[in-house]
N, C-alpha and C. Protein backbone atom coordinates (compact mmCIF):
# COMPACT_ATOMS: atom_id res chain seq x y z
N UNK A 1 -13.30 3.38 -22.65
CA UNK A 1 -12.58 2.76 -21.57
C UNK A 1 -11.85 3.85 -20.80
N UNK A 2 -11.85 3.71 -19.50
CA UNK A 2 -11.12 4.60 -18.61
C UNK A 2 -10.29 3.72 -17.67
N UNK A 3 -9.19 4.24 -17.20
CA UNK A 3 -8.37 3.41 -16.30
C UNK A 3 -7.56 4.24 -15.33
N UNK A 4 -7.08 3.55 -14.32
CA UNK A 4 -6.03 4.08 -13.47
C UNK A 4 -4.93 3.04 -13.46
N UNK A 5 -3.73 3.46 -13.14
CA UNK A 5 -2.64 2.50 -13.16
C UNK A 5 -1.46 2.96 -12.34
N UNK A 6 -0.45 2.15 -12.40
CA UNK A 6 0.78 2.42 -11.67
C UNK A 6 1.97 2.04 -12.54
N UNK A 7 2.93 2.93 -12.60
CA UNK A 7 4.16 2.64 -13.33
C UNK A 7 5.13 1.87 -12.43
N UNK A 8 5.90 0.99 -13.06
CA UNK A 8 6.92 0.24 -12.34
C UNK A 8 8.30 0.67 -12.80
N UNK A 9 9.24 0.59 -11.90
CA UNK A 9 10.64 0.84 -12.25
C UNK A 9 11.38 -0.48 -12.26
N UNK A 10 12.46 -0.52 -13.04
CA UNK A 10 13.32 -1.69 -13.09
C UNK A 10 14.74 -1.21 -13.31
N UNK A 11 15.67 -2.12 -13.33
CA UNK A 11 17.07 -1.80 -13.62
C UNK A 11 17.38 -2.22 -15.05
N UNK A 12 18.06 -1.34 -15.78
CA UNK A 12 18.45 -1.70 -17.14
C UNK A 12 19.77 -2.47 -17.10
N UNK A 13 20.33 -2.74 -18.25
CA UNK A 13 21.56 -3.52 -18.34
C UNK A 13 22.77 -2.81 -17.76
N UNK A 14 22.67 -1.50 -17.54
CA UNK A 14 23.77 -0.73 -16.93
C UNK A 14 23.52 -0.52 -15.44
N UNK A 15 22.42 -1.07 -14.91
CA UNK A 15 22.10 -0.92 -13.49
C UNK A 15 21.35 0.36 -13.16
N UNK A 16 20.97 1.14 -14.18
CA UNK A 16 20.22 2.38 -13.95
C UNK A 16 18.75 2.07 -13.71
N UNK A 17 18.09 2.89 -12.91
CA UNK A 17 16.66 2.77 -12.69
C UNK A 17 15.93 3.38 -13.89
N UNK A 18 15.07 2.57 -14.53
CA UNK A 18 14.35 3.01 -15.73
C UNK A 18 12.89 2.53 -15.64
N UNK A 19 12.09 3.04 -16.55
CA UNK A 19 10.70 2.61 -16.67
C UNK A 19 10.65 1.11 -16.95
N UNK A 20 9.84 0.40 -16.18
CA UNK A 20 9.73 -1.04 -16.35
C UNK A 20 8.36 -1.51 -16.79
N UNK A 21 7.43 -0.57 -16.99
CA UNK A 21 6.09 -0.95 -17.45
C UNK A 21 5.02 -0.32 -16.59
N UNK A 22 3.78 -0.66 -16.92
CA UNK A 22 2.62 -0.12 -16.23
C UNK A 22 1.61 -1.23 -15.97
N UNK A 23 0.95 -1.15 -14.83
CA UNK A 23 -0.14 -2.06 -14.47
C UNK A 23 -1.41 -1.24 -14.45
N UNK A 24 -2.38 -1.61 -15.28
CA UNK A 24 -3.61 -0.83 -15.45
C UNK A 24 -4.83 -1.60 -14.96
N UNK A 25 -5.76 -0.87 -14.38
CA UNK A 25 -7.10 -1.37 -14.09
C UNK A 25 -8.04 -0.58 -14.98
N UNK A 26 -8.59 -1.25 -15.99
CA UNK A 26 -9.38 -0.61 -17.04
C UNK A 26 -10.85 -0.97 -16.86
N UNK A 27 -11.71 0.01 -17.03
CA UNK A 27 -13.14 -0.21 -16.86
C UNK A 27 -13.88 0.27 -18.10
N UNK A 28 -14.91 -0.47 -18.46
CA UNK A 28 -15.75 -0.10 -19.60
C UNK A 28 -16.52 1.17 -19.23
N UNK A 29 -16.36 2.21 -20.04
CA UNK A 29 -17.07 3.46 -19.79
C UNK A 29 -16.13 4.60 -19.48
N UNK A 30 -16.72 5.71 -19.10
CA UNK A 30 -15.96 6.94 -18.86
C UNK A 30 -15.61 7.15 -17.40
N UNK A 31 -15.42 8.43 -17.06
CA UNK A 31 -15.02 8.79 -15.70
C UNK A 31 -15.99 8.25 -14.66
N UNK A 32 -17.30 8.27 -14.97
CA UNK A 32 -18.29 7.79 -14.00
C UNK A 32 -18.10 6.30 -13.71
N UNK A 33 -17.75 5.52 -14.71
CA UNK A 33 -17.52 4.08 -14.49
C UNK A 33 -16.29 3.87 -13.61
N UNK A 34 -15.26 4.64 -13.83
CA UNK A 34 -14.06 4.54 -13.00
C UNK A 34 -14.37 4.96 -11.57
N UNK A 35 -15.21 5.96 -11.42
CA UNK A 35 -15.59 6.45 -10.09
C UNK A 35 -16.38 5.42 -9.29
N UNK A 36 -17.04 4.50 -9.97
CA UNK A 36 -17.82 3.46 -9.27
C UNK A 36 -16.94 2.36 -8.67
N UNK A 37 -15.68 2.28 -9.09
CA UNK A 37 -14.78 1.28 -8.51
C UNK A 37 -14.45 1.61 -7.07
N UNK A 38 -14.21 0.61 -6.28
CA UNK A 38 -13.71 0.81 -4.92
C UNK A 38 -12.21 1.07 -5.03
N UNK A 39 -11.80 2.29 -4.70
CA UNK A 39 -10.41 2.69 -4.86
C UNK A 39 -9.86 3.24 -3.55
N UNK A 40 -8.58 3.03 -3.28
CA UNK A 40 -7.94 3.69 -2.14
C UNK A 40 -8.05 5.21 -2.29
N UNK A 41 -8.06 5.92 -1.18
CA UNK A 41 -8.25 7.38 -1.20
C UNK A 41 -7.22 8.10 -2.07
N UNK A 42 -5.96 7.68 -2.02
CA UNK A 42 -4.94 8.38 -2.81
C UNK A 42 -5.16 8.19 -4.31
N UNK A 43 -5.60 7.02 -4.72
CA UNK A 43 -5.87 6.79 -6.15
C UNK A 43 -7.11 7.58 -6.56
N UNK A 44 -8.15 7.56 -5.74
CA UNK A 44 -9.37 8.32 -6.04
C UNK A 44 -9.03 9.81 -6.20
N UNK A 45 -8.16 10.32 -5.34
CA UNK A 45 -7.76 11.72 -5.41
C UNK A 45 -7.00 12.01 -6.70
N UNK A 46 -6.08 11.13 -7.07
CA UNK A 46 -5.34 11.29 -8.32
C UNK A 46 -6.24 11.23 -9.54
N UNK A 47 -7.22 10.34 -9.52
CA UNK A 47 -8.19 10.26 -10.62
C UNK A 47 -8.97 11.56 -10.71
N UNK A 48 -9.39 12.11 -9.57
CA UNK A 48 -10.12 13.39 -9.57
C UNK A 48 -9.25 14.51 -10.15
N UNK A 49 -7.97 14.50 -9.83
CA UNK A 49 -7.06 15.51 -10.39
C UNK A 49 -6.93 15.35 -11.90
N UNK A 50 -6.81 14.12 -12.36
CA UNK A 50 -6.71 13.87 -13.80
C UNK A 50 -7.99 14.30 -14.51
N UNK A 51 -9.14 14.03 -13.89
CA UNK A 51 -10.42 14.43 -14.49
C UNK A 51 -10.51 15.94 -14.58
N UNK A 52 -10.07 16.66 -13.55
CA UNK A 52 -10.10 18.13 -13.59
C UNK A 52 -9.22 18.64 -14.73
N UNK A 53 -8.08 18.03 -14.92
CA UNK A 53 -7.19 18.40 -16.01
C UNK A 53 -7.88 18.14 -17.35
N UNK A 54 -8.51 16.97 -17.45
CA UNK A 54 -9.22 16.61 -18.69
C UNK A 54 -10.39 17.56 -18.96
N UNK A 55 -11.13 17.91 -17.91
CA UNK A 55 -12.26 18.83 -18.06
C UNK A 55 -11.82 20.18 -18.60
N UNK A 56 -10.59 20.57 -18.32
CA UNK A 56 -10.09 21.88 -18.78
C UNK A 56 -9.99 21.95 -20.30
N UNK A 57 -9.98 20.81 -20.97
CA UNK A 57 -9.93 20.84 -22.44
C UNK A 57 -11.21 21.41 -23.04
N UNK A 58 -12.27 21.52 -22.24
CA UNK A 58 -13.53 22.09 -22.75
C UNK A 58 -13.35 23.56 -23.14
N UNK A 59 -12.28 24.18 -22.69
CA UNK A 59 -11.98 25.57 -23.07
C UNK A 59 -11.57 25.67 -24.53
N UNK A 60 -11.36 24.52 -25.18
CA UNK A 60 -10.93 24.48 -26.57
C UNK A 60 -11.97 23.74 -27.41
N UNK A 61 -13.00 24.44 -27.85
CA UNK A 61 -14.06 23.79 -28.63
C UNK A 61 -13.47 23.06 -29.85
N UNK A 62 -13.98 21.85 -30.05
CA UNK A 62 -13.52 21.07 -31.19
C UNK A 62 -12.28 20.24 -30.92
N UNK A 63 -11.68 20.39 -29.74
CA UNK A 63 -10.49 19.62 -29.40
C UNK A 63 -10.84 18.14 -29.33
N UNK A 64 -10.03 17.31 -29.99
CA UNK A 64 -10.23 15.86 -29.97
C UNK A 64 -8.88 15.19 -29.73
N UNK A 65 -8.86 14.28 -28.79
CA UNK A 65 -7.68 13.44 -28.57
C UNK A 65 -8.19 12.01 -28.48
N UNK A 66 -7.72 11.14 -29.34
CA UNK A 66 -8.21 9.76 -29.35
C UNK A 66 -7.71 8.98 -28.13
N UNK A 67 -6.67 9.46 -27.51
CA UNK A 67 -6.11 8.82 -26.31
C UNK A 67 -5.77 9.93 -25.33
N UNK A 68 -6.23 9.78 -24.10
CA UNK A 68 -5.92 10.76 -23.06
C UNK A 68 -5.40 10.02 -21.85
N UNK A 69 -4.18 10.31 -21.49
CA UNK A 69 -3.51 9.67 -20.37
C UNK A 69 -2.88 10.76 -19.53
N UNK A 70 -3.09 10.73 -18.23
CA UNK A 70 -2.54 11.75 -17.34
C UNK A 70 -1.66 11.08 -16.28
N UNK A 71 -0.40 11.50 -16.23
CA UNK A 71 0.51 10.98 -15.21
C UNK A 71 0.35 11.82 -13.96
N UNK A 72 0.05 11.15 -12.86
CA UNK A 72 -0.12 11.80 -11.57
C UNK A 72 1.03 11.34 -10.67
N UNK A 73 1.72 12.30 -10.10
CA UNK A 73 2.78 11.97 -9.15
C UNK A 73 2.27 12.15 -7.74
N UNK A 74 2.57 11.20 -6.87
CA UNK A 74 2.16 11.29 -5.47
C UNK A 74 3.33 10.88 -4.59
N UNK A 75 3.48 11.58 -3.48
CA UNK A 75 4.55 11.24 -2.56
C UNK A 75 4.70 12.27 -1.46
N UNK A 76 5.76 12.12 -0.72
CA UNK A 76 6.04 12.99 0.42
C UNK A 76 7.11 14.00 0.02
N UNK A 77 6.87 15.29 0.30
CA UNK A 77 7.85 16.33 -0.05
C UNK A 77 8.94 16.43 1.02
N UNK A 78 9.88 17.34 0.83
CA UNK A 78 11.02 17.49 1.74
C UNK A 78 10.61 17.88 3.16
N UNK A 79 9.43 18.44 3.31
CA UNK A 79 8.94 18.82 4.65
C UNK A 79 8.04 17.76 5.27
N UNK A 80 7.94 16.61 4.59
CA UNK A 80 7.14 15.52 5.13
C UNK A 80 5.66 15.62 4.80
N UNK A 81 5.27 16.49 3.89
CA UNK A 81 3.86 16.65 3.52
C UNK A 81 3.54 15.80 2.29
N UNK A 82 2.37 15.16 2.32
CA UNK A 82 1.92 14.38 1.18
C UNK A 82 1.49 15.31 0.06
N UNK A 83 1.91 15.00 -1.15
CA UNK A 83 1.60 15.82 -2.32
C UNK A 83 1.06 14.94 -3.44
N UNK A 84 0.25 15.54 -4.29
CA UNK A 84 -0.31 14.84 -5.44
C UNK A 84 -0.61 15.85 -6.53
N UNK A 85 -0.27 15.52 -7.77
CA UNK A 85 -0.57 16.43 -8.86
C UNK A 85 -0.33 15.81 -10.22
N UNK A 86 -1.06 16.32 -11.21
CA UNK A 86 -0.86 15.90 -12.60
C UNK A 86 0.39 16.58 -13.11
N UNK A 87 1.34 15.81 -13.60
CA UNK A 87 2.55 16.44 -14.14
C UNK A 87 2.76 16.18 -15.61
N UNK A 88 1.88 15.40 -16.24
CA UNK A 88 2.00 15.23 -17.68
C UNK A 88 0.68 14.76 -18.25
N UNK A 89 0.30 15.40 -19.35
CA UNK A 89 -0.81 14.92 -20.16
C UNK A 89 -0.19 14.26 -21.38
N UNK A 90 -0.54 13.01 -21.61
CA UNK A 90 0.04 12.27 -22.72
C UNK A 90 -1.07 11.89 -23.68
N UNK A 91 -1.17 12.64 -24.76
CA UNK A 91 -2.21 12.38 -25.76
C UNK A 91 -1.58 11.73 -26.98
N UNK A 92 -0.66 10.83 -26.75
CA UNK A 92 0.06 10.13 -27.81
C UNK A 92 0.35 8.71 -27.32
N UNK A 93 0.84 7.89 -28.18
CA UNK A 93 1.22 6.53 -27.79
C UNK A 93 2.32 6.62 -26.75
N UNK A 94 2.24 5.80 -25.71
CA UNK A 94 3.24 5.82 -24.65
C UNK A 94 3.50 4.43 -24.09
N UNK A 95 4.18 4.38 -22.97
CA UNK A 95 4.59 3.12 -22.37
C UNK A 95 3.45 2.20 -21.98
N UNK A 96 2.30 2.77 -21.63
CA UNK A 96 1.15 1.96 -21.23
C UNK A 96 0.27 1.56 -22.42
N UNK A 97 0.58 2.07 -23.60
CA UNK A 97 -0.32 1.86 -24.75
C UNK A 97 -0.56 0.40 -25.07
N UNK A 98 0.45 -0.45 -24.97
CA UNK A 98 0.23 -1.87 -25.31
C UNK A 98 -0.73 -2.52 -24.32
N UNK A 99 -0.68 -2.14 -23.05
CA UNK A 99 -1.64 -2.66 -22.07
C UNK A 99 -3.04 -2.12 -22.36
N UNK A 100 -3.13 -0.87 -22.79
CA UNK A 100 -4.43 -0.30 -23.17
C UNK A 100 -5.04 -1.09 -24.32
N UNK A 101 -4.24 -1.40 -25.33
CA UNK A 101 -4.73 -2.15 -26.49
C UNK A 101 -5.21 -3.53 -26.06
N UNK A 102 -4.47 -4.18 -25.18
CA UNK A 102 -4.89 -5.49 -24.65
C UNK A 102 -6.26 -5.39 -24.00
N UNK A 103 -6.46 -4.37 -23.16
CA UNK A 103 -7.72 -4.20 -22.45
C UNK A 103 -8.87 -3.88 -23.41
N UNK A 104 -8.63 -2.99 -24.36
CA UNK A 104 -9.67 -2.64 -25.33
C UNK A 104 -10.11 -3.88 -26.10
N UNK A 105 -9.17 -4.72 -26.50
CA UNK A 105 -9.50 -5.93 -27.25
C UNK A 105 -10.42 -6.84 -26.46
N UNK A 106 -10.16 -7.01 -25.16
CA UNK A 106 -11.02 -7.85 -24.33
C UNK A 106 -12.40 -7.22 -24.21
N UNK A 107 -12.47 -5.91 -23.97
CA UNK A 107 -13.76 -5.24 -23.84
C UNK A 107 -14.57 -5.30 -25.13
N UNK A 108 -13.90 -5.19 -26.27
CA UNK A 108 -14.59 -5.28 -27.56
C UNK A 108 -15.09 -6.69 -27.84
N UNK A 109 -14.34 -7.68 -27.38
CA UNK A 109 -14.65 -9.07 -27.68
C UNK A 109 -15.77 -9.65 -26.81
N UNK A 110 -15.97 -9.09 -25.61
CA UNK A 110 -16.91 -9.68 -24.66
C UNK A 110 -17.67 -8.59 -23.91
N UNK A 111 -18.94 -8.39 -24.27
CA UNK A 111 -19.75 -7.33 -23.67
C UNK A 111 -20.05 -7.57 -22.19
N UNK A 112 -19.81 -8.79 -21.70
CA UNK A 112 -20.07 -9.06 -20.28
C UNK A 112 -18.91 -8.64 -19.38
N UNK A 113 -17.80 -8.23 -19.97
CA UNK A 113 -16.64 -7.83 -19.18
C UNK A 113 -16.78 -6.38 -18.73
N UNK A 114 -16.58 -6.14 -17.45
CA UNK A 114 -16.64 -4.80 -16.87
C UNK A 114 -15.25 -4.22 -16.62
N UNK A 115 -14.34 -5.06 -16.16
CA UNK A 115 -13.02 -4.60 -15.73
C UNK A 115 -11.95 -5.53 -16.30
N UNK A 116 -10.88 -4.92 -16.80
CA UNK A 116 -9.74 -5.69 -17.31
C UNK A 116 -8.49 -5.13 -16.65
N UNK A 117 -7.70 -6.01 -16.08
CA UNK A 117 -6.40 -5.62 -15.57
C UNK A 117 -5.37 -6.08 -16.60
N UNK A 118 -4.52 -5.15 -17.03
CA UNK A 118 -3.53 -5.45 -18.06
C UNK A 118 -2.22 -4.77 -17.72
N UNK A 119 -1.14 -5.33 -18.21
CA UNK A 119 0.19 -4.80 -17.91
C UNK A 119 1.04 -4.70 -19.17
N UNK A 120 1.90 -3.69 -19.17
CA UNK A 120 2.98 -3.61 -20.14
C UNK A 120 4.27 -3.80 -19.34
N UNK A 121 5.22 -4.49 -19.94
CA UNK A 121 6.46 -4.83 -19.22
C UNK A 121 7.67 -4.58 -20.11
N UNK A 122 8.69 -3.98 -19.52
CA UNK A 122 10.01 -3.91 -20.13
C UNK A 122 10.99 -4.47 -19.11
N UNK A 123 11.74 -5.47 -19.51
CA UNK A 123 12.72 -6.09 -18.61
C UNK A 123 14.04 -6.24 -19.36
N UNK A 124 15.13 -6.23 -18.60
CA UNK A 124 16.46 -6.21 -19.19
C UNK A 124 17.28 -7.39 -18.70
N UNK A 125 18.15 -7.88 -19.59
CA UNK A 125 19.05 -8.97 -19.24
C UNK A 125 18.92 -10.12 -20.22
N UNK A 126 19.82 -11.08 -20.06
CA UNK A 126 19.84 -12.27 -20.91
C UNK A 126 18.82 -13.28 -20.42
N UNK A 127 18.35 -14.11 -21.31
CA UNK A 127 17.53 -15.29 -20.98
C UNK A 127 16.23 -14.97 -20.23
N UNK A 128 15.63 -13.84 -20.50
CA UNK A 128 14.33 -13.52 -19.90
C UNK A 128 13.25 -14.08 -20.82
N UNK A 129 12.36 -14.84 -20.25
CA UNK A 129 11.26 -15.43 -21.02
C UNK A 129 9.94 -14.78 -20.62
N UNK A 130 9.06 -14.56 -21.58
CA UNK A 130 7.75 -13.97 -21.25
C UNK A 130 6.86 -14.99 -20.55
N UNK A 131 5.93 -14.52 -19.73
CA UNK A 131 4.99 -15.44 -19.09
C UNK A 131 3.97 -15.96 -20.11
N UNK A 132 3.29 -17.04 -19.79
CA UNK A 132 2.26 -17.56 -20.69
C UNK A 132 1.20 -16.48 -20.99
N UNK A 133 0.76 -16.43 -22.22
CA UNK A 133 -0.28 -15.49 -22.61
C UNK A 133 0.20 -14.09 -22.96
N UNK A 134 1.49 -13.85 -22.83
CA UNK A 134 2.02 -12.51 -23.12
C UNK A 134 2.10 -12.29 -24.63
N UNK A 135 1.88 -11.05 -25.04
CA UNK A 135 2.10 -10.66 -26.43
C UNK A 135 3.45 -9.95 -26.47
N UNK A 136 4.42 -10.61 -27.05
CA UNK A 136 5.79 -10.08 -27.07
C UNK A 136 5.92 -9.07 -28.21
N UNK A 137 6.41 -7.88 -27.88
CA UNK A 137 6.60 -6.82 -28.86
C UNK A 137 8.07 -6.72 -29.29
N UNK A 138 8.96 -7.08 -28.40
CA UNK A 138 10.39 -7.13 -28.72
C UNK A 138 11.06 -8.09 -27.75
N UNK A 139 11.94 -8.92 -28.28
CA UNK A 139 12.71 -9.85 -27.44
C UNK A 139 14.03 -10.08 -28.15
N UNK A 140 15.07 -9.41 -27.67
CA UNK A 140 16.35 -9.55 -28.33
C UNK A 140 17.36 -8.55 -27.81
N UNK A 141 18.34 -8.25 -28.65
CA UNK A 141 19.40 -7.34 -28.28
C UNK A 141 19.16 -5.99 -28.95
N UNK A 142 18.71 -5.02 -28.16
CA UNK A 142 18.49 -3.67 -28.66
C UNK A 142 19.84 -2.99 -28.86
N UNK A 143 20.02 -2.29 -29.97
CA UNK A 143 21.32 -1.71 -30.29
C UNK A 143 21.77 -0.66 -29.27
N UNK A 144 20.85 -0.03 -28.58
CA UNK A 144 21.23 0.99 -27.58
C UNK A 144 21.08 0.49 -26.15
N UNK A 145 20.13 -0.40 -25.91
CA UNK A 145 19.79 -0.78 -24.54
C UNK A 145 20.27 -2.18 -24.17
N UNK A 146 20.74 -2.95 -25.15
CA UNK A 146 21.22 -4.30 -24.85
C UNK A 146 20.09 -5.30 -24.82
N UNK A 147 20.34 -6.48 -24.23
CA UNK A 147 19.32 -7.52 -24.21
C UNK A 147 18.12 -7.09 -23.36
N UNK A 148 16.94 -7.30 -23.96
CA UNK A 148 15.73 -6.89 -23.26
C UNK A 148 14.50 -7.58 -23.85
N UNK A 149 13.39 -7.42 -23.15
CA UNK A 149 12.10 -7.90 -23.64
C UNK A 149 11.05 -6.83 -23.34
N UNK A 150 10.10 -6.68 -24.24
CA UNK A 150 8.94 -5.81 -24.04
C UNK A 150 7.71 -6.62 -24.41
N UNK A 151 6.76 -6.69 -23.49
CA UNK A 151 5.54 -7.44 -23.76
C UNK A 151 4.37 -6.84 -23.00
N UNK A 152 3.17 -7.28 -23.37
CA UNK A 152 1.97 -6.87 -22.65
C UNK A 152 1.11 -8.11 -22.45
N UNK A 153 0.23 -8.02 -21.46
CA UNK A 153 -0.66 -9.15 -21.21
C UNK A 153 -1.82 -8.74 -20.32
N UNK A 154 -2.92 -9.45 -20.47
CA UNK A 154 -4.07 -9.30 -19.58
C UNK A 154 -3.82 -10.18 -18.38
N UNK A 155 -4.00 -9.62 -17.19
CA UNK A 155 -3.73 -10.39 -15.97
C UNK A 155 -5.00 -10.78 -15.22
N UNK A 156 -6.13 -10.08 -15.51
CA UNK A 156 -7.38 -10.40 -14.81
C UNK A 156 -8.55 -9.81 -15.58
N UNK A 157 -9.67 -10.53 -15.61
CA UNK A 157 -10.89 -10.06 -16.26
C UNK A 157 -12.04 -10.27 -15.28
N UNK A 158 -12.85 -9.22 -15.11
CA UNK A 158 -14.03 -9.31 -14.23
C UNK A 158 -15.28 -9.08 -15.07
N UNK A 159 -16.23 -10.02 -14.96
CA UNK A 159 -17.46 -9.93 -15.73
C UNK A 159 -18.60 -9.43 -14.87
N UNK A 160 -19.64 -8.94 -15.53
CA UNK A 160 -20.84 -8.45 -14.85
C UNK A 160 -21.43 -9.56 -13.99
N UNK A 161 -21.95 -9.15 -12.86
CA UNK A 161 -22.54 -10.14 -11.94
C UNK A 161 -24.06 -10.12 -12.00
N UNK A 162 -24.65 -9.19 -12.74
CA UNK A 162 -26.11 -9.12 -12.82
C UNK A 162 -26.63 -9.76 -14.08
């Protein structure tokens, strides 16, 4: 499975801007399968940058990472120029991992599925309820972060048309 995604920000219980989850578009297969998707130019460019970073691991024969995730930052710099670049390789469990697991489960369960959209969510505050179909990982009062919820869910599944 390969994917591209977008991180969301939210406000925590102290009003600070924090990571709020990730929305992923996951496709069965490798880089070539992701490349076949219709993507906006900026996302396609970021995927190409992540692939170049990933290709560089070939300099280390025998290197194995069971999970490869590349954070790409894109935006406008102080001079008004658009910029894009890989700023982190994450070969460990991270914030998007629960959404990845959701997508892998759907792909493993149904060979006719080509694309899975899945999300991981962290939200803060009292009385937050998960949406239908969500897999709740935590819902309560965190000793450091206060009342919060963390869940993941599949939001869309696309099957083969042939």
